[in-house]
Amino acid sequence: MANTAKHIIRPTVVLVAIAIVISGVVSVVYNLTKLPETVGLSEAATAKATELMGTDQLTTILNDNYPEEVTGAAKTENGEYVIGVTSTGYGGEMELVVGFQSDDSVKGVAIVSAQETPGIGTKVTEGDEFTKQFAGLQGTATIGENVDAIAGSTISSKAVTTGVNTAIEALSLVKEGKEQEGGGQ
């Protein structure tokens, strides 16, 4: 019996202890190096970002500190950035991408998706009549000051403006982020 304990139980206990230590080390390394669950712009947002930025060479930028409204971010080969955000309009969630030039001014805004009221809220989301006024903007967008709301679409206008401001605020976090290895989009 003593022989059995010496040759079976002791090695088993030692192996279990080693397995527990190795599992702990693997868990710590995983938590230190894991990627965020959302690692980039959606396919639809990437398509709009490519059109907005005039390039399909987008590299995903990762940062664990993005606000929850930021859906993804990317950098172009010439140092410009594009940020995907969500905002709440009259008809529900609205997704947009905001492009930034290398001097941090807004290059443009594109609506990815929105469920605004047809004929009213869609005045904001269809075409570029409303969104083109953000081009060149540096600093906060404010309706009535540097942004004109669309009559009858005030809530939708505010939603887009809020989304643009979220992207402007997130730009510094995007610049601090890491480029995703493997090229991104």
N, C-alpha and C. Protein backbone atom coordinates (compact mmCIF):
# COMPACT_ATOMS: atom_id res chain seq x y z
N MET A 1 0.82 -1.19 0.00
CA MET A 1 0.00 0.00 0.00
C MET A 1 0.87 1.26 0.00
N ALA A 2 1.91 1.25 0.78
CA ALA A 2 2.81 2.40 0.84
C ALA A 2 3.47 2.62 -0.51
N ASN A 3 3.76 1.53 -1.16
CA ASN A 3 4.36 1.61 -2.48
C ASN A 3 3.40 2.24 -3.48
N THR A 4 2.12 1.92 -3.40
CA THR A 4 1.10 2.48 -4.27
C THR A 4 0.98 3.98 -4.08
N ALA A 5 0.97 4.41 -2.85
CA ALA A 5 0.87 5.85 -2.55
C ALA A 5 2.06 6.59 -3.10
N LYS A 6 3.22 5.96 -2.96
CA LYS A 6 4.45 6.61 -3.42
C LYS A 6 4.51 6.71 -4.94
N HIS A 7 4.07 5.71 -5.62
CA HIS A 7 4.21 5.67 -7.09
C HIS A 7 2.98 6.16 -7.86
N ILE A 8 1.85 6.28 -7.23
CA ILE A 8 0.65 6.71 -7.94
C ILE A 8 0.12 8.04 -7.40
N ILE A 9 -0.11 8.13 -6.14
CA ILE A 9 -0.75 9.31 -5.57
C ILE A 9 0.17 10.53 -5.61
N ARG A 10 1.42 10.40 -5.21
CA ARG A 10 2.34 11.55 -5.19
C ARG A 10 2.53 12.13 -6.60
N PRO A 11 2.82 11.35 -7.62
CA PRO A 11 2.96 11.94 -8.97
C PRO A 11 1.66 12.57 -9.48
N THR A 12 0.53 11.97 -9.11
CA THR A 12 -0.76 12.54 -9.51
C THR A 12 -0.96 13.91 -8.88
N VAL A 13 -0.66 14.04 -7.61
CA VAL A 13 -0.80 15.33 -6.92
C VAL A 13 0.15 16.36 -7.52
N VAL A 14 1.37 15.95 -7.81
CA VAL A 14 2.35 16.86 -8.41
C VAL A 14 1.87 17.32 -9.79
N LEU A 15 1.37 16.41 -10.61
CA LEU A 15 0.87 16.78 -11.94
C LEU A 15 -0.34 17.71 -11.87
N VAL A 16 -1.24 17.47 -10.95
CA VAL A 16 -2.41 18.34 -10.78
C VAL A 16 -1.95 19.74 -10.36
N ALA A 17 -1.00 19.82 -9.45
CA ALA A 17 -0.49 21.12 -9.01
C ALA A 17 0.16 21.88 -10.17
N ILE A 18 0.94 21.16 -10.97
CA ILE A 18 1.58 21.80 -12.14
C ILE A 18 0.51 22.29 -13.12
N ALA A 19 -0.51 21.48 -13.35
CA ALA A 19 -1.59 21.87 -14.27
C ALA A 19 -2.31 23.11 -13.77
N ILE A 20 -2.55 23.22 -12.47
CA ILE A 20 -3.22 24.40 -11.90
C ILE A 20 -2.36 25.64 -12.08
N VAL A 21 -1.07 25.54 -11.83
CA VAL A 21 -0.16 26.69 -11.99
C VAL A 21 -0.12 27.12 -13.45
N ILE A 22 0.01 26.18 -14.36
CA ILE A 22 0.06 26.52 -15.79
C ILE A 22 -1.26 27.13 -16.24
N SER A 23 -2.38 26.62 -15.79
CA SER A 23 -3.69 27.20 -16.13
C SER A 23 -3.78 28.64 -15.66
N GLY A 24 -3.29 28.91 -14.47
CA GLY A 24 -3.29 30.28 -13.95
C GLY A 24 -2.45 31.22 -14.80
N VAL A 25 -1.26 30.76 -15.20
CA VAL A 25 -0.39 31.57 -16.04
C VAL A 25 -1.04 31.84 -17.39
N VAL A 26 -1.62 30.82 -18.01
CA VAL A 26 -2.29 30.98 -19.30
C VAL A 26 -3.45 31.98 -19.17
N SER A 27 -4.21 31.88 -18.11
CA SER A 27 -5.33 32.80 -17.89
C SER A 27 -4.86 34.25 -17.76
N VAL A 28 -3.79 34.48 -17.02
CA VAL A 28 -3.26 35.83 -16.86
C VAL A 28 -2.77 36.36 -18.21
N VAL A 29 -2.03 35.57 -18.96
CA VAL A 29 -1.52 36.00 -20.26
C VAL A 29 -2.67 36.29 -21.21
N TYR A 30 -3.69 35.45 -21.22
CA TYR A 30 -4.85 35.69 -22.08
C TYR A 30 -5.52 37.03 -21.75
N ASN A 31 -5.77 37.29 -20.48
CA ASN A 31 -6.43 38.53 -20.08
C ASN A 31 -5.60 39.77 -20.38
N LEU A 32 -4.28 39.63 -20.37
CA LEU A 32 -3.42 40.77 -20.70
C LEU A 32 -3.35 41.04 -22.19
N THR A 33 -3.59 40.01 -23.01
CA THR A 33 -3.39 40.17 -24.45
C THR A 33 -4.65 40.05 -25.29
N LYS A 34 -5.81 39.82 -24.68
CA LYS A 34 -7.03 39.60 -25.47
C LYS A 34 -7.44 40.87 -26.20
N LEU A 35 -8.03 40.69 -27.36
CA LEU A 35 -8.55 41.79 -28.15
C LEU A 35 -9.96 42.12 -27.68
N PRO A 36 -10.38 43.39 -27.86
CA PRO A 36 -11.76 43.71 -27.53
C PRO A 36 -12.71 42.90 -28.40
N GLU A 37 -13.94 42.68 -27.93
CA GLU A 37 -14.90 41.87 -28.69
C GLU A 37 -15.23 42.51 -30.03
N THR A 38 -15.40 43.82 -30.06
CA THR A 38 -15.66 44.51 -31.32
C THR A 38 -14.33 45.07 -31.80
N VAL A 39 -13.83 44.56 -32.91
CA VAL A 39 -12.51 44.96 -33.34
C VAL A 39 -12.52 45.81 -34.61
N GLY A 40 -13.65 46.21 -35.07
CA GLY A 40 -13.63 47.03 -36.27
C GLY A 40 -15.00 47.45 -36.72
N LEU A 41 -15.00 48.20 -37.79
CA LEU A 41 -16.24 48.68 -38.39
C LEU A 41 -17.00 47.52 -39.01
N SER A 42 -18.32 47.62 -39.00
CA SER A 42 -19.14 46.61 -39.66
C SER A 42 -18.87 46.66 -41.16
N GLU A 43 -19.35 45.65 -41.87
CA GLU A 43 -19.16 45.61 -43.32
C GLU A 43 -19.80 46.82 -43.99
N ALA A 44 -21.00 47.18 -43.56
CA ALA A 44 -21.69 48.35 -44.14
C ALA A 44 -20.96 49.64 -43.80
N ALA A 45 -20.47 49.75 -42.56
CA ALA A 45 -19.73 50.95 -42.16
C ALA A 45 -18.41 51.04 -42.90
N THR A 46 -17.76 49.91 -43.13
CA THR A 46 -16.50 49.90 -43.88
C THR A 46 -16.73 50.38 -45.31
N ALA A 47 -17.83 49.95 -45.92
CA ALA A 47 -18.15 50.38 -47.28
C ALA A 47 -18.35 51.90 -47.33
N LYS A 48 -19.10 52.45 -46.37
CA LYS A 48 -19.32 53.90 -46.31
C LYS A 48 -18.01 54.63 -46.02
N ALA A 49 -17.19 54.06 -45.12
CA ALA A 49 -15.91 54.68 -44.77
C ALA A 49 -14.97 54.72 -45.97
N THR A 50 -14.96 53.64 -46.74
CA THR A 50 -14.13 53.57 -47.94
C THR A 50 -14.53 54.66 -48.93
N GLU A 51 -15.82 54.82 -49.11
CA GLU A 51 -16.35 55.85 -50.02
C GLU A 51 -16.02 57.25 -49.47
N LEU A 52 -16.25 57.45 -48.19
CA LEU A 52 -16.03 58.76 -47.56
C LEU A 52 -14.56 59.17 -47.60
N MET A 53 -13.67 58.21 -47.31
CA MET A 53 -12.25 58.53 -47.21
C MET A 53 -11.53 58.45 -48.55
N GLY A 54 -12.18 57.87 -49.55
CA GLY A 54 -11.57 57.79 -50.87
C GLY A 54 -10.47 56.73 -50.97
N THR A 55 -10.51 55.74 -50.09
CA THR A 55 -9.52 54.66 -50.12
C THR A 55 -10.11 53.42 -49.48
N ASP A 56 -9.60 52.28 -49.92
CA ASP A 56 -10.02 51.03 -49.27
C ASP A 56 -8.91 50.49 -48.38
N GLN A 57 -7.86 51.28 -48.21
CA GLN A 57 -6.74 50.90 -47.35
C GLN A 57 -6.99 51.42 -45.93
N LEU A 58 -7.79 50.68 -45.18
CA LEU A 58 -8.13 51.05 -43.81
C LEU A 58 -7.52 50.04 -42.85
N THR A 59 -6.84 50.53 -41.82
CA THR A 59 -6.27 49.67 -40.79
C THR A 59 -7.05 49.90 -39.51
N THR A 60 -7.61 48.84 -38.95
CA THR A 60 -8.41 48.93 -37.73
C THR A 60 -7.55 49.41 -36.57
N ILE A 61 -8.11 50.32 -35.78
CA ILE A 61 -7.44 50.84 -34.59
C ILE A 61 -8.19 50.33 -33.36
N LEU A 62 -7.46 49.69 -32.45
CA LEU A 62 -8.05 49.11 -31.25
C LEU A 62 -7.74 49.95 -30.02
N ASN A 63 -8.71 50.08 -29.14
CA ASN A 63 -8.51 50.76 -27.86
C ASN A 63 -9.62 50.30 -26.93
N ASP A 64 -9.27 49.77 -25.78
CA ASP A 64 -10.27 49.27 -24.83
C ASP A 64 -11.09 50.37 -24.17
N ASN A 65 -10.72 51.63 -24.38
CA ASN A 65 -11.38 52.74 -23.69
C ASN A 65 -12.38 53.51 -24.54
N TYR A 66 -12.75 52.97 -25.71
CA TYR A 66 -13.74 53.67 -26.52
C TYR A 66 -15.07 53.76 -25.77
N PRO A 67 -15.78 54.89 -25.93
CA PRO A 67 -17.14 54.94 -25.36
C PRO A 67 -18.02 53.90 -26.06
N GLU A 68 -19.10 53.48 -25.41
CA GLU A 68 -19.94 52.42 -25.98
C GLU A 68 -20.57 52.81 -27.31
N GLU A 69 -20.70 54.10 -27.59
CA GLU A 69 -21.29 54.55 -28.86
C GLU A 69 -20.33 54.38 -30.04
N VAL A 70 -19.05 54.18 -29.78
CA VAL A 70 -18.07 53.99 -30.86
C VAL A 70 -18.10 52.52 -31.28
N THR A 71 -18.40 52.29 -32.55
CA THR A 71 -18.53 50.93 -33.05
C THR A 71 -17.24 50.42 -33.69
N GLY A 72 -16.31 51.30 -33.97
CA GLY A 72 -15.05 50.91 -34.57
C GLY A 72 -14.31 52.13 -35.07
N ALA A 73 -13.04 51.93 -35.38
CA ALA A 73 -12.22 53.03 -35.89
C ALA A 73 -11.14 52.47 -36.80
N ALA A 74 -10.70 53.30 -37.73
CA ALA A 74 -9.66 52.87 -38.66
C ALA A 74 -8.83 54.08 -39.08
N LYS A 75 -7.65 53.77 -39.60
CA LYS A 75 -6.72 54.80 -40.07
C LYS A 75 -6.42 54.52 -41.54
N THR A 76 -6.29 55.58 -42.33
CA THR A 76 -5.92 55.42 -43.73
C THR A 76 -4.41 55.46 -43.86
N GLU A 77 -3.91 55.11 -45.02
CA GLU A 77 -2.46 55.10 -45.24
C GLU A 77 -1.85 56.50 -45.20
N ASN A 78 -2.67 57.54 -45.34
CA ASN A 78 -2.13 58.91 -45.32
C ASN A 78 -2.43 59.64 -44.00
N GLY A 79 -2.73 58.88 -42.94
CA GLY A 79 -2.85 59.47 -41.61
C GLY A 79 -4.20 60.08 -41.28
N GLU A 80 -5.20 59.77 -42.08
CA GLU A 80 -6.55 60.23 -41.76
C GLU A 80 -7.26 59.12 -40.98
N TYR A 81 -8.30 59.50 -40.24
CA TYR A 81 -9.02 58.54 -39.41
C TYR A 81 -10.50 58.53 -39.76
N VAL A 82 -11.13 57.40 -39.50
CA VAL A 82 -12.58 57.28 -39.65
C VAL A 82 -13.09 56.53 -38.42
N ILE A 83 -14.18 57.05 -37.85
CA ILE A 83 -14.74 56.49 -36.63
C ILE A 83 -16.21 56.17 -36.86
N GLY A 84 -16.61 54.96 -36.51
CA GLY A 84 -18.01 54.56 -36.58
C GLY A 84 -18.67 54.81 -35.23
N VAL A 85 -19.85 55.39 -35.23
CA VAL A 85 -20.58 55.68 -33.99
C VAL A 85 -22.06 55.39 -34.17
N THR A 86 -22.74 55.24 -33.03
CA THR A 86 -24.19 55.14 -33.04
C THR A 86 -24.76 56.30 -32.24
N SER A 87 -25.98 56.66 -32.59
CA SER A 87 -26.70 57.72 -31.90
C SER A 87 -28.18 57.37 -32.01
N THR A 88 -28.99 57.96 -31.16
CA THR A 88 -30.42 57.65 -31.16
C THR A 88 -31.21 58.78 -31.81
N GLY A 89 -31.87 58.44 -32.91
CA GLY A 89 -32.72 59.40 -33.61
C GLY A 89 -34.17 59.20 -33.23
N TYR A 90 -35.07 59.82 -33.95
CA TYR A 90 -36.50 59.71 -33.67
C TYR A 90 -36.99 58.28 -33.86
N GLY A 91 -36.48 57.60 -34.88
CA GLY A 91 -36.94 56.25 -35.20
C GLY A 91 -36.12 55.15 -34.57
N GLY A 92 -35.14 55.48 -33.77
CA GLY A 92 -34.30 54.47 -33.13
C GLY A 92 -32.83 54.72 -33.40
N GLU A 93 -32.06 53.64 -33.32
CA GLU A 93 -30.61 53.77 -33.46
C GLU A 93 -30.20 54.13 -34.88
N MET A 94 -29.23 55.02 -34.95
CA MET A 94 -28.68 55.50 -36.21
C MET A 94 -27.18 55.20 -36.17
N GLU A 95 -26.66 54.66 -37.24
CA GLU A 95 -25.22 54.38 -37.32
C GLU A 95 -24.61 55.29 -38.38
N LEU A 96 -23.48 55.91 -38.03
CA LEU A 96 -22.80 56.77 -38.99
C LEU A 96 -21.30 56.63 -38.87
N VAL A 97 -20.60 57.05 -39.90
CA VAL A 97 -19.14 57.11 -39.86
C VAL A 97 -18.73 58.56 -40.07
N VAL A 98 -17.70 58.95 -39.32
CA VAL A 98 -17.19 60.31 -39.39
C VAL A 98 -15.72 60.22 -39.78
N GLY A 99 -15.35 60.89 -40.86
CA GLY A 99 -13.96 60.89 -41.32
C GLY A 99 -13.26 62.15 -40.84
N PHE A 100 -11.98 62.00 -40.52
CA PHE A 100 -11.18 63.13 -40.05
C PHE A 100 -9.94 63.26 -40.92
N GLN A 101 -9.62 64.51 -41.29
CA GLN A 101 -8.41 64.79 -42.03
C GLN A 101 -7.23 64.77 -41.07
N SER A 102 -6.02 64.84 -41.59
CA SER A 102 -4.83 64.75 -40.74
C SER A 102 -4.71 65.93 -39.78
N ASP A 103 -5.42 67.04 -40.04
CA ASP A 103 -5.39 68.18 -39.11
C ASP A 103 -6.52 68.11 -38.07
N ASP A 104 -7.17 66.96 -37.97
CA ASP A 104 -8.26 66.67 -37.03
C ASP A 104 -9.59 67.35 -37.37
N SER A 105 -9.67 68.01 -38.50
CA SER A 105 -10.96 68.57 -38.91
C SER A 105 -11.79 67.46 -39.55
N VAL A 106 -13.11 67.63 -39.50
CA VAL A 106 -14.01 66.63 -40.07
C VAL A 106 -13.88 66.64 -41.59
N LYS A 107 -13.62 65.50 -42.15
CA LYS A 107 -13.55 65.37 -43.61
C LYS A 107 -14.94 65.18 -44.18
N GLY A 108 -15.78 64.43 -43.46
CA GLY A 108 -17.13 64.19 -43.91
C GLY A 108 -17.87 63.24 -42.98
N VAL A 109 -19.17 63.13 -43.22
CA VAL A 109 -20.04 62.26 -42.41
C VAL A 109 -20.90 61.46 -43.38
N ALA A 110 -21.03 60.18 -43.10
CA ALA A 110 -21.90 59.33 -43.92
C ALA A 110 -22.80 58.52 -43.00
N ILE A 111 -24.08 58.48 -43.34
CA ILE A 111 -25.05 57.70 -42.58
C ILE A 111 -25.00 56.26 -43.09
N VAL A 112 -24.75 55.32 -42.18
CA VAL A 112 -24.68 53.90 -42.54
C VAL A 112 -26.08 53.30 -42.50
N SER A 113 -26.81 53.57 -41.42
CA SER A 113 -28.18 53.05 -41.30
C SER A 113 -28.98 53.93 -40.35
N ALA A 114 -30.28 54.02 -40.62
CA ALA A 114 -31.18 54.81 -39.78
C ALA A 114 -32.62 54.37 -40.07
N GLN A 115 -33.47 54.49 -39.07
CA GLN A 115 -34.88 54.15 -39.23
C GLN A 115 -35.74 55.40 -38.95
N GLU A 116 -35.42 56.47 -39.61
CA GLU A 116 -36.13 57.72 -39.38
C GLU A 116 -37.45 57.75 -40.18
N THR A 117 -38.35 58.64 -39.78
CA THR A 117 -39.65 58.76 -40.42
C THR A 117 -39.49 59.14 -41.89
N PRO A 118 -40.07 58.33 -42.81
CA PRO A 118 -39.95 58.63 -44.24
C PRO A 118 -40.51 60.03 -44.55
N GLY A 119 -39.75 60.77 -45.33
CA GLY A 119 -40.18 62.10 -45.77
C GLY A 119 -39.90 63.20 -44.77
N ILE A 120 -39.64 62.86 -43.52
CA ILE A 120 -39.36 63.88 -42.50
C ILE A 120 -37.93 63.68 -41.99
N GLY A 121 -37.74 62.66 -41.16
CA GLY A 121 -36.41 62.37 -40.62
C GLY A 121 -35.42 61.96 -41.68
N THR A 122 -35.92 61.37 -42.75
CA THR A 122 -35.02 60.93 -43.82
C THR A 122 -34.41 62.10 -44.57
N LYS A 123 -34.92 63.32 -44.37
CA LYS A 123 -34.29 64.50 -44.98
C LYS A 123 -32.86 64.65 -44.46
N VAL A 124 -32.64 64.18 -43.25
CA VAL A 124 -31.31 64.25 -42.64
C VAL A 124 -30.43 63.11 -43.13
N THR A 125 -31.01 61.93 -43.30
CA THR A 125 -30.21 60.75 -43.56
C THR A 125 -30.00 60.42 -45.03
N GLU A 126 -30.80 60.97 -45.91
CA GLU A 126 -30.66 60.70 -47.34
C GLU A 126 -29.89 61.83 -48.01
N GLY A 127 -28.99 61.46 -48.89
CA GLY A 127 -28.18 62.46 -49.57
C GLY A 127 -27.17 63.07 -48.62
N ASP A 128 -26.58 64.20 -49.05
CA ASP A 128 -25.57 64.83 -48.19
C ASP A 128 -25.90 66.28 -47.86
N GLU A 129 -27.13 66.70 -48.12
CA GLU A 129 -27.51 68.09 -47.87
C GLU A 129 -27.25 68.50 -46.41
N PHE A 130 -27.60 67.63 -45.49
CA PHE A 130 -27.38 67.95 -44.07
C PHE A 130 -25.94 67.65 -43.65
N THR A 131 -25.44 66.48 -44.02
CA THR A 131 -24.13 66.05 -43.51
C THR A 131 -22.96 66.85 -44.07
N LYS A 132 -23.11 67.46 -45.24
CA LYS A 132 -21.97 68.18 -45.82
C LYS A 132 -21.57 69.41 -45.01
N GLN A 133 -22.47 69.91 -44.16
CA GLN A 133 -22.12 71.09 -43.37
C GLN A 133 -21.12 70.79 -42.24
N PHE A 134 -20.86 69.51 -41.97
CA PHE A 134 -19.87 69.14 -40.95
C PHE A 134 -18.45 69.19 -41.51
N ALA A 135 -18.29 69.13 -42.83
CA ALA A 135 -16.96 69.13 -43.45
C ALA A 135 -16.19 70.37 -43.04
N GLY A 136 -14.96 70.16 -42.61
CA GLY A 136 -14.09 71.25 -42.18
C GLY A 136 -14.24 71.64 -40.73
N LEU A 137 -15.23 71.08 -40.05
CA LEU A 137 -15.50 71.43 -38.66
C LEU A 137 -14.35 71.00 -37.76
N GLN A 138 -13.95 71.90 -36.89
CA GLN A 138 -12.99 71.57 -35.84
C GLN A 138 -13.64 71.97 -34.52
N GLY A 139 -13.68 71.07 -33.58
CA GLY A 139 -14.34 71.36 -32.32
C GLY A 139 -15.77 70.85 -32.34
N THR A 140 -16.50 71.24 -31.32
CA THR A 140 -17.86 70.73 -31.11
C THR A 140 -18.85 71.27 -32.13
N ALA A 141 -19.73 70.40 -32.61
CA ALA A 141 -20.82 70.80 -33.50
C ALA A 141 -22.02 71.19 -32.64
N THR A 142 -22.61 72.34 -32.93
CA THR A 142 -23.75 72.81 -32.16
C THR A 142 -24.83 73.31 -33.11
N ILE A 143 -26.03 72.73 -32.99
CA ILE A 143 -27.15 73.18 -33.82
C ILE A 143 -27.49 74.62 -33.45
N GLY A 144 -27.65 75.44 -34.46
CA GLY A 144 -27.96 76.84 -34.24
C GLY A 144 -26.73 77.73 -34.24
N GLU A 145 -25.56 77.12 -34.10
CA GLU A 145 -24.31 77.89 -34.13
C GLU A 145 -23.52 77.58 -35.40
N ASN A 146 -22.98 76.35 -35.48
CA ASN A 146 -22.21 75.98 -36.67
C ASN A 146 -22.86 74.84 -37.47
N VAL A 147 -24.07 74.45 -37.05
CA VAL A 147 -24.84 73.43 -37.78
C VAL A 147 -26.29 73.89 -37.86
N ASP A 148 -26.86 73.82 -39.05
CA ASP A 148 -28.27 74.16 -39.23
C ASP A 148 -29.10 72.88 -39.28
N ALA A 149 -30.08 72.78 -38.37
CA ALA A 149 -30.98 71.62 -38.36
C ALA A 149 -31.92 71.69 -39.56
N ILE A 150 -32.42 70.56 -39.97
CA ILE A 150 -33.41 70.48 -41.04
C ILE A 150 -34.78 70.70 -40.40
N ALA A 151 -35.55 71.64 -40.93
CA ALA A 151 -36.90 71.93 -40.40
C ALA A 151 -37.75 70.67 -40.42
N GLY A 152 -38.38 70.38 -39.30
CA GLY A 152 -39.22 69.20 -39.18
C GLY A 152 -38.46 67.94 -38.82
N SER A 153 -37.14 68.01 -38.82
CA SER A 153 -36.30 66.85 -38.51
C SER A 153 -35.31 67.18 -37.40
N THR A 154 -35.79 67.91 -36.41
CA THR A 154 -34.91 68.36 -35.35
C THR A 154 -34.27 67.22 -34.58
N ILE A 155 -35.06 66.21 -34.23
CA ILE A 155 -34.52 65.09 -33.46
C ILE A 155 -33.48 64.33 -34.28
N SER A 156 -33.76 64.11 -35.54
CA SER A 156 -32.81 63.42 -36.42
C SER A 156 -31.56 64.26 -36.61
N SER A 157 -31.72 65.58 -36.75
CA SER A 157 -30.57 66.48 -36.88
C SER A 157 -29.71 66.43 -35.63
N LYS A 158 -30.36 66.43 -34.46
CA LYS A 158 -29.62 66.34 -33.20
C LYS A 158 -28.90 65.01 -33.06
N ALA A 159 -29.52 63.94 -33.54
CA ALA A 159 -28.89 62.62 -33.45
C ALA A 159 -27.60 62.56 -34.25
N VAL A 160 -27.62 63.08 -35.46
CA VAL A 160 -26.41 63.10 -36.29
C VAL A 160 -25.36 63.99 -35.63
N THR A 161 -25.78 65.16 -35.15
CA THR A 161 -24.85 66.08 -34.49
C THR A 161 -24.23 65.44 -33.26
N THR A 162 -25.03 64.72 -32.48
CA THR A 162 -24.51 64.02 -31.30
C THR A 162 -23.50 62.95 -31.72
N GLY A 163 -23.80 62.23 -32.78
CA GLY A 163 -22.88 61.22 -33.29
C GLY A 163 -21.56 61.82 -33.73
N VAL A 164 -21.62 62.95 -34.42
CA VAL A 164 -20.40 63.64 -34.85
C VAL A 164 -19.60 64.08 -33.63
N ASN A 165 -20.27 64.64 -32.63
CA ASN A 165 -19.57 65.08 -31.42
C ASN A 165 -18.94 63.90 -30.67
N THR A 166 -19.62 62.76 -30.67
CA THR A 166 -19.05 61.56 -30.04
C THR A 166 -17.76 61.16 -30.76
N ALA A 167 -17.79 61.19 -32.09
CA ALA A 167 -16.59 60.86 -32.87
C ALA A 167 -15.47 61.86 -32.62
N ILE A 168 -15.82 63.15 -32.55
CA ILE A 168 -14.80 64.18 -32.27
C ILE A 168 -14.15 63.92 -30.92
N GLU A 169 -14.96 63.61 -29.91
CA GLU A 169 -14.43 63.34 -28.57
C GLU A 169 -13.59 62.07 -28.55
N ALA A 170 -13.95 61.08 -29.36
CA ALA A 170 -13.23 59.80 -29.37
C ALA A 170 -11.94 59.85 -30.19
N LEU A 171 -11.75 60.88 -31.00
CA LEU A 171 -10.59 60.93 -31.89
C LEU A 171 -9.28 60.79 -31.12
N SER A 172 -9.15 61.43 -29.97
CA SER A 172 -7.90 61.32 -29.21
C SER A 172 -7.67 59.88 -28.75
N LEU A 173 -8.74 59.18 -28.36
CA LEU A 173 -8.60 57.77 -27.97
C LEU A 173 -8.20 56.91 -29.17
N VAL A 174 -8.74 57.23 -30.33
CA VAL A 174 -8.40 56.49 -31.54
C VAL A 174 -6.91 56.66 -31.83
N LYS A 175 -6.41 57.87 -31.70
CA LYS A 175 -5.00 58.13 -31.97
C LYS A 175 -4.09 57.43 -30.98
N GLU A 176 -4.59 57.17 -29.76
CA GLU A 176 -3.81 56.46 -28.75
C GLU A 176 -3.87 54.95 -28.95
N GLY A 177 -4.83 54.47 -29.76
CA GLY A 177 -5.03 53.04 -29.93
C GLY A 177 -3.93 52.38 -30.72
N LYS A 178 -4.02 51.06 -30.78
CA LYS A 178 -3.03 50.26 -31.49
C LYS A 178 -3.61 49.79 -32.82
N GLU A 179 -2.77 49.79 -33.84
CA GLU A 179 -3.21 49.25 -35.12
C GLU A 179 -3.32 47.75 -34.99
N GLN A 180 -4.39 47.19 -35.52
CA GLN A 180 -4.59 45.75 -35.44
C GLN A 180 -3.55 45.06 -36.31
N GLU A 181 -2.87 44.09 -35.75
CA GLU A 181 -1.86 43.36 -36.54
C GLU A 181 -2.55 42.59 -37.64
N GLY A 182 -1.89 42.49 -38.76
CA GLY A 182 -2.45 41.75 -39.88
C GLY A 182 -3.12 42.66 -40.88
N GLY A 183 -3.06 43.98 -40.68
CA GLY A 183 -3.53 44.90 -41.70
C GLY A 183 -4.89 45.49 -41.51
N GLY A 184 -5.77 44.91 -40.70
CA GLY A 184 -7.08 45.54 -40.45
C GLY A 184 -8.14 45.08 -41.41
N GLN A 185 -8.85 46.02 -42.05
CA GLN A 185 -10.00 45.72 -42.87
C GLN A 185 -9.58 44.87 -44.02
